Amino acid sequence: MAKSYVAIASEIELIRKHEHLSKSKLKTFLVSECGVNRSDLNMYTKFKDILDTHKKTILKRGVPLTVAKALIAAPASVRMEALERIEAGSFIHSRDISTIKRRQREQAADPAVELERQRLKALRLSAQRKAQVELDTFTKRFIFFAQSLIDFFNDAQDDNVDLEKTRSPPSSTSGGSWTVPAGI
C-alpha cells in the first residue's frame, strides 16, 4: 500500500511541475477529473515537501496511508519522533501520533496556562448547564403562557357564539336596529 500512495504522490508532483499548475488548480483537477478523494489531497500534494526525505523508510516499513496523512498533518517535532520510532522498527498507528502530539503539548504547557485552560473549560461547562436549565425553564413557562392565550382566545370565541345565540333579533316595534359590538 505504501508503494502505491508514494507513487501516486510522485506522479502528482510531476504533473504539477510539468503542467505548471498551482496547487489549487491541481486539487480541483484531481477531484473533478481524476476522482481522487478530497480528504487525501493534502497528503498527496504535501508528501514531496514533508516526507520525501523519509520515502525509503516509509516504503521499507510499509507505513499505512492513514499514518502518512497523520504525519503530514502533525507538527515537525511530532513527525520526527514518530519517524524515529518507525525507523527503529516500531509499528506506528495514527492514534500513536495523536498520543505523541498530546504528550508533547502537555510537556510544553506552562502549569499556569494549563490551570487557566482547565478553569475556562469548567466555566464553559457550567455556563452551558446553566443556559440549558434557563432554556428549559423558559420553555415550560412559554408553553404555559401560549396555552393560556389559546384558551383565552377560544373562550372568547365560545362566549361570542353563545352571546349571539342568546340574543334575540330586534323587534320591529322598538324602532331601532340591533348590532353586536365589535370585539365580543
N, C-alpha and C. Protein backbone atom coordinates (compact mmCIF):
# COMPACT_ATOMS: atom_id res chain seq x y z
N MET A 1 0.82 -1.19 0.00
CA MET A 1 0.00 0.00 0.00
C MET A 1 0.87 1.26 0.00
N ALA A 2 1.93 1.25 0.78
CA ALA A 2 2.81 2.41 0.85
C ALA A 2 3.41 2.72 -0.51
N LYS A 3 3.78 1.67 -1.23
CA LYS A 3 4.37 1.85 -2.56
C LYS A 3 3.37 2.56 -3.48
N SER A 4 2.10 2.23 -3.36
CA SER A 4 1.07 2.82 -4.22
C SER A 4 0.89 4.30 -3.95
N TYR A 5 0.70 4.67 -2.68
CA TYR A 5 0.45 6.10 -2.43
C TYR A 5 1.70 6.94 -2.62
N VAL A 6 2.88 6.37 -2.41
CA VAL A 6 4.10 7.12 -2.69
C VAL A 6 4.23 7.36 -4.20
N ALA A 7 3.88 6.34 -5.00
CA ALA A 7 3.91 6.51 -6.46
C ALA A 7 2.90 7.55 -6.92
N ILE A 8 1.72 7.51 -6.34
CA ILE A 8 0.69 8.50 -6.71
C ILE A 8 1.17 9.90 -6.34
N ALA A 9 1.73 10.07 -5.16
CA ALA A 9 2.23 11.38 -4.74
C ALA A 9 3.34 11.87 -5.68
N SER A 10 4.22 10.96 -6.10
CA SER A 10 5.30 11.33 -7.01
C SER A 10 4.74 11.76 -8.37
N GLU A 11 3.75 11.02 -8.87
CA GLU A 11 3.15 11.36 -10.16
C GLU A 11 2.41 12.70 -10.09
N ILE A 12 1.73 12.94 -9.01
CA ILE A 12 1.02 14.21 -8.86
C ILE A 12 2.01 15.37 -8.83
N GLU A 13 3.13 15.17 -8.17
CA GLU A 13 4.15 16.22 -8.14
C GLU A 13 4.73 16.45 -9.54
N LEU A 14 4.94 15.38 -10.31
CA LEU A 14 5.42 15.53 -11.68
C LEU A 14 4.42 16.29 -12.54
N ILE A 15 3.14 15.98 -12.38
CA ILE A 15 2.10 16.69 -13.15
C ILE A 15 2.12 18.17 -12.79
N ARG A 16 2.23 18.46 -11.52
CA ARG A 16 2.21 19.86 -11.09
C ARG A 16 3.40 20.63 -11.66
N LYS A 17 4.57 19.99 -11.67
CA LYS A 17 5.76 20.67 -12.20
C LYS A 17 5.71 20.77 -13.71
N HIS A 18 5.30 19.70 -14.37
CA HIS A 18 5.29 19.67 -15.83
C HIS A 18 4.23 20.61 -16.40
N GLU A 19 3.07 20.65 -15.80
CA GLU A 19 1.97 21.47 -16.30
C GLU A 19 1.99 22.88 -15.72
N HIS A 20 2.88 23.16 -14.78
CA HIS A 20 2.98 24.47 -14.14
C HIS A 20 1.63 24.89 -13.54
N LEU A 21 1.01 23.97 -12.82
CA LEU A 21 -0.27 24.23 -12.19
C LEU A 21 -0.07 24.67 -10.74
N SER A 22 -0.91 25.56 -10.30
CA SER A 22 -0.90 25.91 -8.88
C SER A 22 -1.53 24.74 -8.11
N LYS A 23 -1.29 24.71 -6.82
CA LYS A 23 -1.83 23.61 -6.02
C LYS A 23 -3.36 23.62 -6.04
N SER A 24 -3.96 24.79 -6.03
CA SER A 24 -5.43 24.84 -6.03
C SER A 24 -6.01 24.31 -7.34
N LYS A 25 -5.41 24.67 -8.47
CA LYS A 25 -5.90 24.16 -9.76
C LYS A 25 -5.65 22.66 -9.86
N LEU A 26 -4.52 22.21 -9.35
CA LEU A 26 -4.22 20.78 -9.37
C LEU A 26 -5.22 20.01 -8.52
N LYS A 27 -5.55 20.54 -7.35
CA LYS A 27 -6.52 19.87 -6.48
C LYS A 27 -7.88 19.78 -7.16
N THR A 28 -8.30 20.87 -7.79
CA THR A 28 -9.58 20.87 -8.49
C THR A 28 -9.59 19.83 -9.60
N PHE A 29 -8.51 19.76 -10.36
CA PHE A 29 -8.40 18.77 -11.44
C PHE A 29 -8.45 17.34 -10.88
N LEU A 30 -7.70 17.08 -9.84
CA LEU A 30 -7.64 15.73 -9.28
C LEU A 30 -9.00 15.27 -8.74
N VAL A 31 -9.73 16.18 -8.11
CA VAL A 31 -11.03 15.81 -7.56
C VAL A 31 -12.06 15.64 -8.66
N SER A 32 -12.17 16.64 -9.55
CA SER A 32 -13.24 16.61 -10.55
C SER A 32 -12.96 15.66 -11.71
N GLU A 33 -11.74 15.60 -12.17
CA GLU A 33 -11.44 14.79 -13.36
C GLU A 33 -10.89 13.41 -13.05
N CYS A 34 -10.14 13.29 -11.99
CA CYS A 34 -9.48 12.01 -11.69
C CYS A 34 -10.20 11.22 -10.58
N GLY A 35 -11.10 11.85 -9.88
CA GLY A 35 -11.85 11.15 -8.83
C GLY A 35 -11.06 10.87 -7.57
N VAL A 36 -10.03 11.66 -7.31
CA VAL A 36 -9.25 11.48 -6.09
C VAL A 36 -10.06 12.00 -4.91
N ASN A 37 -10.04 11.27 -3.83
CA ASN A 37 -10.78 11.64 -2.63
C ASN A 37 -10.25 12.96 -2.08
N ARG A 38 -11.15 13.88 -1.80
CA ARG A 38 -10.77 15.22 -1.33
C ARG A 38 -9.98 15.16 -0.01
N SER A 39 -10.30 14.19 0.83
CA SER A 39 -9.60 14.10 2.11
C SER A 39 -8.15 13.63 1.96
N ASP A 40 -7.81 13.02 0.84
CA ASP A 40 -6.44 12.55 0.60
C ASP A 40 -5.58 13.56 -0.16
N LEU A 41 -6.18 14.62 -0.65
CA LEU A 41 -5.45 15.57 -1.50
C LEU A 41 -4.25 16.20 -0.80
N ASN A 42 -4.43 16.66 0.43
CA ASN A 42 -3.32 17.30 1.14
C ASN A 42 -2.15 16.34 1.30
N MET A 43 -2.46 15.08 1.56
CA MET A 43 -1.39 14.10 1.72
C MET A 43 -0.59 13.98 0.44
N TYR A 44 -1.26 13.87 -0.69
CA TYR A 44 -0.56 13.70 -1.96
C TYR A 44 0.22 14.94 -2.36
N THR A 45 -0.37 16.12 -2.15
CA THR A 45 0.30 17.34 -2.60
C THR A 45 1.43 17.79 -1.67
N LYS A 46 1.37 17.40 -0.39
CA LYS A 46 2.41 17.81 0.55
C LYS A 46 3.45 16.73 0.80
N PHE A 47 3.25 15.55 0.26
CA PHE A 47 4.16 14.44 0.52
C PHE A 47 5.59 14.79 0.14
N LYS A 48 5.78 15.33 -1.04
CA LYS A 48 7.13 15.66 -1.53
C LYS A 48 7.82 16.66 -0.60
N ASP A 49 7.11 17.66 -0.16
CA ASP A 49 7.69 18.70 0.68
C ASP A 49 8.02 18.20 2.09
N ILE A 50 7.17 17.31 2.63
CA ILE A 50 7.29 16.95 4.04
C ILE A 50 7.96 15.60 4.26
N LEU A 51 7.56 14.59 3.51
CA LEU A 51 8.04 13.23 3.79
C LEU A 51 8.97 12.64 2.74
N ASP A 52 9.32 13.41 1.73
CA ASP A 52 10.15 12.85 0.65
C ASP A 52 11.51 12.36 1.15
N THR A 53 12.09 13.03 2.14
CA THR A 53 13.40 12.60 2.65
C THR A 53 13.31 11.27 3.40
N HIS A 54 12.11 10.89 3.80
CA HIS A 54 11.91 9.64 4.55
C HIS A 54 11.19 8.58 3.70
N LYS A 55 11.22 8.77 2.39
CA LYS A 55 10.49 7.88 1.49
C LYS A 55 10.95 6.43 1.62
N LYS A 56 12.26 6.21 1.74
CA LYS A 56 12.80 4.85 1.84
C LYS A 56 12.29 4.15 3.10
N THR A 57 12.29 4.87 4.22
CA THR A 57 11.80 4.29 5.47
C THR A 57 10.31 3.96 5.36
N ILE A 58 9.55 4.86 4.77
CA ILE A 58 8.10 4.65 4.62
C ILE A 58 7.84 3.42 3.76
N LEU A 59 8.59 3.28 2.68
CA LEU A 59 8.41 2.13 1.79
C LEU A 59 8.88 0.83 2.48
N LYS A 60 10.01 0.92 3.15
CA LYS A 60 10.58 -0.27 3.81
C LYS A 60 9.66 -0.80 4.90
N ARG A 61 9.09 0.10 5.69
CA ARG A 61 8.24 -0.30 6.82
C ARG A 61 6.77 -0.46 6.43
N GLY A 62 6.40 -0.07 5.21
CA GLY A 62 5.01 -0.22 4.77
C GLY A 62 4.04 0.61 5.60
N VAL A 63 4.35 1.86 5.78
CA VAL A 63 3.53 2.76 6.60
C VAL A 63 2.16 2.93 5.94
N PRO A 64 1.09 2.71 6.70
CA PRO A 64 -0.26 2.86 6.14
C PRO A 64 -0.56 4.30 5.72
N LEU A 65 -1.52 4.45 4.83
CA LEU A 65 -1.91 5.76 4.32
C LEU A 65 -2.39 6.67 5.44
N THR A 66 -3.15 6.14 6.38
CA THR A 66 -3.66 6.97 7.48
C THR A 66 -2.52 7.53 8.33
N VAL A 67 -1.47 6.74 8.50
CA VAL A 67 -0.32 7.20 9.28
C VAL A 67 0.44 8.28 8.50
N ALA A 68 0.57 8.08 7.19
CA ALA A 68 1.24 9.10 6.37
C ALA A 68 0.47 10.42 6.42
N LYS A 69 -0.86 10.34 6.35
CA LYS A 69 -1.68 11.55 6.45
C LYS A 69 -1.50 12.22 7.81
N ALA A 70 -1.46 11.43 8.86
CA ALA A 70 -1.27 11.98 10.21
C ALA A 70 0.11 12.59 10.36
N LEU A 71 1.13 11.96 9.77
CA LEU A 71 2.49 12.51 9.82
C LEU A 71 2.57 13.86 9.12
N ILE A 72 1.91 13.96 7.99
CA ILE A 72 1.95 15.21 7.24
C ILE A 72 1.23 16.32 8.00
N ALA A 73 0.14 15.97 8.67
CA ALA A 73 -0.64 16.98 9.41
C ALA A 73 0.00 17.35 10.75
N ALA A 74 0.91 16.52 11.24
CA ALA A 74 1.50 16.74 12.57
C ALA A 74 2.59 17.81 12.54
N PRO A 75 2.84 18.44 13.68
CA PRO A 75 3.96 19.38 13.78
C PRO A 75 5.29 18.65 13.56
N ALA A 76 6.32 19.39 13.23
CA ALA A 76 7.62 18.80 12.88
C ALA A 76 8.20 17.95 14.01
N SER A 77 8.09 18.41 15.26
CA SER A 77 8.66 17.65 16.37
C SER A 77 7.95 16.31 16.55
N VAL A 78 6.65 16.29 16.39
CA VAL A 78 5.88 15.05 16.50
C VAL A 78 6.25 14.12 15.34
N ARG A 79 6.34 14.70 14.16
CA ARG A 79 6.69 13.91 12.97
C ARG A 79 8.06 13.26 13.13
N MET A 80 9.04 14.02 13.65
CA MET A 80 10.38 13.48 13.80
C MET A 80 10.41 12.33 14.82
N GLU A 81 9.69 12.50 15.94
CA GLU A 81 9.66 11.43 16.94
C GLU A 81 8.99 10.18 16.38
N ALA A 82 7.90 10.36 15.65
CA ALA A 82 7.21 9.20 15.07
C ALA A 82 8.08 8.53 14.01
N LEU A 83 8.76 9.32 13.20
CA LEU A 83 9.63 8.73 12.17
C LEU A 83 10.82 8.01 12.79
N GLU A 84 11.32 8.52 13.91
CA GLU A 84 12.40 7.82 14.61
C GLU A 84 11.91 6.45 15.10
N ARG A 85 10.71 6.41 15.62
CA ARG A 85 10.15 5.13 16.06
C ARG A 85 9.94 4.18 14.89
N ILE A 86 9.48 4.71 13.77
CA ILE A 86 9.28 3.87 12.58
C ILE A 86 10.62 3.32 12.10
N GLU A 87 11.64 4.17 12.05
CA GLU A 87 12.97 3.72 11.62
C GLU A 87 13.54 2.67 12.57
N ALA A 88 13.17 2.76 13.86
CA ALA A 88 13.65 1.78 14.83
C ALA A 88 12.91 0.45 14.71
N GLY A 89 11.85 0.43 13.90
CA GLY A 89 11.14 -0.83 13.68
C GLY A 89 9.80 -0.92 14.37
N SER A 90 9.41 0.10 15.07
CA SER A 90 8.10 0.09 15.75
C SER A 90 7.00 0.33 14.74
N PHE A 91 5.87 -0.32 14.97
CA PHE A 91 4.69 -0.07 14.15
C PHE A 91 3.93 1.09 14.76
N ILE A 92 3.71 2.13 13.98
CA ILE A 92 3.04 3.33 14.45
C ILE A 92 1.69 3.43 13.76
N HIS A 93 0.67 3.71 14.56
CA HIS A 93 -0.67 3.94 14.03
C HIS A 93 -0.99 5.42 14.20
N SER A 94 -2.02 5.90 13.52
CA SER A 94 -2.35 7.32 13.60
C SER A 94 -2.71 7.74 15.02
N ARG A 95 -3.29 6.85 15.81
CA ARG A 95 -3.60 7.21 17.20
C ARG A 95 -2.31 7.38 18.01
N ASP A 96 -1.23 6.66 17.64
CA ASP A 96 0.05 6.86 18.32
C ASP A 96 0.61 8.25 18.05
N ILE A 97 0.37 8.76 16.85
CA ILE A 97 0.82 10.11 16.51
C ILE A 97 0.03 11.13 17.34
N SER A 98 -1.26 10.87 17.51
CA SER A 98 -2.08 11.74 18.36
C SER A 98 -1.60 11.71 19.80
N THR A 99 -1.19 10.54 20.26
CA THR A 99 -0.68 10.40 21.63
C THR A 99 0.62 11.18 21.80
N ILE A 100 1.51 11.08 20.82
CA ILE A 100 2.77 11.82 20.87
C ILE A 100 2.50 13.32 20.88
N LYS A 101 1.57 13.74 20.05
CA LYS A 101 1.22 15.17 19.97
C LYS A 101 0.67 15.66 21.31
N ARG A 102 -0.22 14.88 21.92
CA ARG A 102 -0.81 15.26 23.20
C ARG A 102 0.26 15.30 24.29
N ARG A 103 1.15 14.30 24.30
CA ARG A 103 2.20 14.24 25.31
C ARG A 103 3.13 15.43 25.19
N GLN A 104 3.53 15.77 23.97
CA GLN A 104 4.42 16.91 23.78
C GLN A 104 3.74 18.22 24.16
N ARG A 105 2.46 18.32 23.87
CA ARG A 105 1.72 19.53 24.23
C ARG A 105 1.63 19.67 25.75
N GLU A 106 1.40 18.56 26.45
CA GLU A 106 1.31 18.59 27.91
C GLU A 106 2.66 18.92 28.54
N GLN A 107 3.75 18.39 27.94
CA GLN A 107 5.07 18.67 28.47
C GLN A 107 5.44 20.13 28.26
N ALA A 108 5.01 20.70 27.17
CA ALA A 108 5.35 22.08 26.85
C ALA A 108 4.46 23.09 27.58
N ALA A 109 3.36 22.62 28.08
CA ALA A 109 2.40 23.54 28.70
C ALA A 109 2.93 24.07 30.03
N ASP A 110 2.78 25.35 30.21
CA ASP A 110 3.12 26.00 31.46
C ASP A 110 2.02 25.64 32.47
N PRO A 111 2.37 25.32 33.70
CA PRO A 111 1.34 24.93 34.66
C PRO A 111 0.26 26.00 34.85
N ALA A 112 0.64 27.26 34.84
CA ALA A 112 -0.35 28.33 35.00
C ALA A 112 -1.30 28.37 33.81
N VAL A 113 -0.75 28.18 32.62
CA VAL A 113 -1.58 28.18 31.42
C VAL A 113 -2.52 26.97 31.44
N GLU A 114 -2.03 25.84 31.87
CA GLU A 114 -2.85 24.64 31.95
C GLU A 114 -3.97 24.82 32.97
N LEU A 115 -3.68 25.42 34.11
CA LEU A 115 -4.71 25.68 35.11
C LEU A 115 -5.78 26.64 34.56
N GLU A 116 -5.33 27.66 33.85
CA GLU A 116 -6.27 28.61 33.24
C GLU A 116 -7.15 27.93 32.20
N ARG A 117 -6.56 27.03 31.41
CA ARG A 117 -7.33 26.29 30.40
C ARG A 117 -8.38 25.42 31.07
N GLN A 118 -8.00 24.74 32.15
CA GLN A 118 -8.95 23.90 32.88
C GLN A 118 -10.04 24.74 33.53
N ARG A 119 -9.68 25.91 34.06
CA ARG A 119 -10.66 26.79 34.67
C ARG A 119 -11.68 27.28 33.64
N LEU A 120 -11.17 27.67 32.47
CA LEU A 120 -12.06 28.12 31.40
C LEU A 120 -12.97 27.00 30.92
N LYS A 121 -12.44 25.80 30.88
CA LYS A 121 -13.25 24.65 30.47
C LYS A 121 -14.37 24.41 31.48
N ALA A 122 -14.05 24.47 32.77
CA ALA A 122 -15.06 24.28 33.81
C ALA A 122 -16.10 25.39 33.76
N LEU A 123 -15.66 26.63 33.54
CA LEU A 123 -16.61 27.74 33.42
C LEU A 123 -17.53 27.56 32.23
N ARG A 124 -16.98 27.13 31.11
CA ARG A 124 -17.78 26.92 29.90
C ARG A 124 -18.83 25.84 30.13
N LEU A 125 -18.42 24.73 30.77
CA LEU A 125 -19.37 23.65 31.05
C LEU A 125 -20.46 24.12 32.01
N SER A 126 -20.07 24.88 33.02
CA SER A 126 -21.05 25.41 33.98
C SER A 126 -22.03 26.35 33.29
N ALA A 127 -21.51 27.22 32.45
CA ALA A 127 -22.38 28.15 31.72
C ALA A 127 -23.33 27.41 30.79
N GLN A 128 -22.85 26.34 30.16
CA GLN A 128 -23.72 25.56 29.28
C GLN A 128 -24.83 24.89 30.07
N ARG A 129 -24.50 24.33 31.23
CA ARG A 129 -25.52 23.70 32.07
C ARG A 129 -26.54 24.73 32.54
N LYS A 130 -26.07 25.89 32.99
CA LYS A 130 -26.98 26.94 33.45
C LYS A 130 -27.87 27.42 32.31
N ALA A 131 -27.30 27.59 31.14
CA ALA A 131 -28.09 28.03 29.98
C ALA A 131 -29.16 26.99 29.63
N GLN A 132 -28.82 25.72 29.75
CA GLN A 132 -29.79 24.67 29.46
C GLN A 132 -30.94 24.70 30.46
N VAL A 133 -30.63 24.90 31.75
CA VAL A 133 -31.67 25.00 32.78
C VAL A 133 -32.56 26.21 32.50
N GLU A 134 -31.94 27.35 32.18
CA GLU A 134 -32.70 28.56 31.87
C GLU A 134 -33.60 28.33 30.66
N LEU A 135 -33.08 27.68 29.65
CA LEU A 135 -33.87 27.40 28.45
C LEU A 135 -35.04 26.48 28.76
N ASP A 136 -34.80 25.45 29.55
CA ASP A 136 -35.88 24.53 29.92
C ASP A 136 -36.96 25.27 30.71
N THR A 137 -36.54 26.11 31.66
CA THR A 137 -37.50 26.89 32.45
C THR A 137 -38.30 27.82 31.56
N PHE A 138 -37.62 28.53 30.68
CA PHE A 138 -38.30 29.44 29.75
C PHE A 138 -39.28 28.69 28.88
N THR A 139 -38.88 27.54 28.37
CA THR A 139 -39.75 26.75 27.50
C THR A 139 -41.03 26.35 28.24
N LYS A 140 -40.89 25.88 29.47
CA LYS A 140 -42.07 25.49 30.25
C LYS A 140 -42.99 26.68 30.48
N ARG A 141 -42.41 27.81 30.88
CA ARG A 141 -43.23 29.00 31.13
C ARG A 141 -43.86 29.51 29.85
N PHE A 142 -43.15 29.48 28.76
CA PHE A 142 -43.69 29.97 27.50
C PHE A 142 -44.83 29.09 27.02
N ILE A 143 -44.65 27.79 27.14
CA ILE A 143 -45.71 26.87 26.72
C ILE A 143 -46.97 27.13 27.56
N PHE A 144 -46.80 27.32 28.87
CA PHE A 144 -47.95 27.63 29.73
C PHE A 144 -48.60 28.94 29.28
N PHE A 145 -47.80 29.98 29.02
CA PHE A 145 -48.31 31.27 28.58
C PHE A 145 -49.05 31.15 27.25
N ALA A 146 -48.44 30.46 26.30
CA ALA A 146 -49.06 30.29 24.99
C ALA A 146 -50.37 29.52 25.11
N GLN A 147 -50.41 28.50 25.95
CA GLN A 147 -51.63 27.72 26.12
C GLN A 147 -52.72 28.57 26.77
N SER A 148 -52.34 29.42 27.73
CA SER A 148 -53.34 30.29 28.36
C SER A 148 -53.89 31.31 27.35
N LEU A 149 -53.05 31.81 26.46
CA LEU A 149 -53.53 32.71 25.40
C LEU A 149 -54.50 31.99 24.48
N ILE A 150 -54.16 30.78 24.11
CA ILE A 150 -55.03 29.99 23.23
C ILE A 150 -56.37 29.73 23.93
N ASP A 151 -56.31 29.34 25.20
CA ASP A 151 -57.53 29.09 25.95
C ASP A 151 -58.37 30.37 26.06
N PHE A 152 -57.72 31.49 26.34
CA PHE A 152 -58.43 32.77 26.44
C PHE A 152 -59.11 33.10 25.12
N PHE A 153 -58.41 32.95 24.02
CA PHE A 153 -58.97 33.24 22.71
C PHE A 153 -60.13 32.30 22.41
N ASN A 154 -59.95 31.01 22.68
CA ASN A 154 -61.02 30.05 22.44
C ASN A 154 -62.24 30.34 23.31
N ASP A 155 -62.04 30.69 24.58
CA ASP A 155 -63.15 31.04 25.45
C ASP A 155 -63.88 32.28 24.94
N ALA A 156 -63.13 33.27 24.48
CA ALA A 156 -63.74 34.48 23.95
C ALA A 156 -64.58 34.16 22.72
N GLN A 157 -64.07 33.27 21.88
CA GLN A 157 -64.81 32.87 20.70
C GLN A 157 -66.08 32.12 21.10
N ASP A 158 -65.97 31.23 22.09
CA ASP A 158 -67.14 30.48 22.57
C ASP A 158 -68.16 31.45 23.18
N ASP A 159 -67.70 32.43 23.95
CA ASP A 159 -68.61 33.41 24.55
C ASP A 159 -69.32 34.22 23.48
N ASN A 160 -68.61 34.59 22.43
CA ASN A 160 -69.19 35.35 21.33
C ASN A 160 -70.27 34.55 20.64
N VAL A 161 -70.02 33.28 20.40
CA VAL A 161 -71.00 32.41 19.75
C VAL A 161 -72.22 32.26 20.67
N ASP A 162 -72.01 32.03 21.98
CA ASP A 162 -73.11 31.90 22.93
C ASP A 162 -73.91 33.19 23.02
N LEU A 163 -73.23 34.34 22.99
CA LEU A 163 -73.91 35.63 23.07
C LEU A 163 -74.82 35.83 21.88
N GLU A 164 -74.35 35.48 20.70
CA GLU A 164 -75.16 35.64 19.50
C GLU A 164 -76.37 34.73 19.54
N LYS A 165 -76.25 33.54 20.09
CA LYS A 165 -77.36 32.60 20.15
C LYS A 165 -78.41 33.05 21.17
N THR A 166 -77.99 33.64 22.27
CA THR A 166 -78.94 34.02 23.33
C THR A 166 -79.66 35.31 23.04
N ARG A 167 -79.10 36.19 22.29
CA ARG A 167 -79.76 37.46 21.98
C ARG A 167 -80.79 37.22 20.88
N SER A 168 -81.88 37.88 21.06
CA SER A 168 -82.91 37.75 20.03
C SER A 168 -82.79 38.91 19.07
N PRO A 169 -83.26 38.72 17.86
CA PRO A 169 -83.19 39.83 16.91
C PRO A 169 -84.11 40.96 17.35
N PRO A 170 -83.80 42.18 16.97
CA PRO A 170 -84.62 43.32 17.40
C PRO A 170 -86.05 43.22 16.85
N SER A 171 -86.97 43.68 17.64
CA SER A 171 -88.36 43.66 17.17
C SER A 171 -88.61 44.89 16.32
N SER A 172 -89.58 44.77 15.45
CA SER A 172 -89.88 45.88 14.55
C SER A 172 -90.56 47.02 15.29
N THR A 173 -91.07 46.73 16.48
CA THR A 173 -91.77 47.78 17.22
C THR A 173 -90.82 48.67 18.00
N SER A 174 -89.59 48.19 18.26
CA SER A 174 -88.67 49.00 19.05
C SER A 174 -88.13 50.15 18.25
N GLY A 175 -88.15 50.04 16.96
CA GLY A 175 -87.74 51.13 16.10
C GLY A 175 -86.25 51.25 15.93
N GLY A 176 -85.47 50.52 16.61
CA GLY A 176 -84.01 50.61 16.46
C GLY A 176 -83.44 49.34 15.85
N SER A 177 -82.20 49.42 15.51
CA SER A 177 -81.55 48.22 14.97
C SER A 177 -80.61 47.66 16.03
N TRP A 178 -80.43 46.40 15.99
CA TRP A 178 -79.62 45.72 16.99
C TRP A 178 -78.32 45.29 16.35
N THR A 179 -77.17 45.61 16.94
CA THR A 179 -75.86 45.18 16.42
C THR A 179 -75.03 44.64 17.57
N VAL A 180 -74.21 43.67 17.28
CA VAL A 180 -73.31 43.10 18.26
C VAL A 180 -72.04 43.95 18.26
N PRO A 181 -71.66 44.46 19.40
CA PRO A 181 -70.45 45.28 19.44
C PRO A 181 -69.24 44.49 18.95
N ALA A 182 -68.35 45.17 18.25
CA ALA A 182 -67.14 44.52 17.72
C ALA A 182 -66.24 44.14 18.89
N GLY A 183 -65.56 43.02 18.72
CA GLY A 183 -64.60 42.58 19.73
C GLY A 183 -65.19 41.68 20.78
N ILE A 184 -66.47 41.35 20.70
CA ILE A 184 -67.04 40.42 21.68
C ILE A 184 -67.00 39.04 21.10
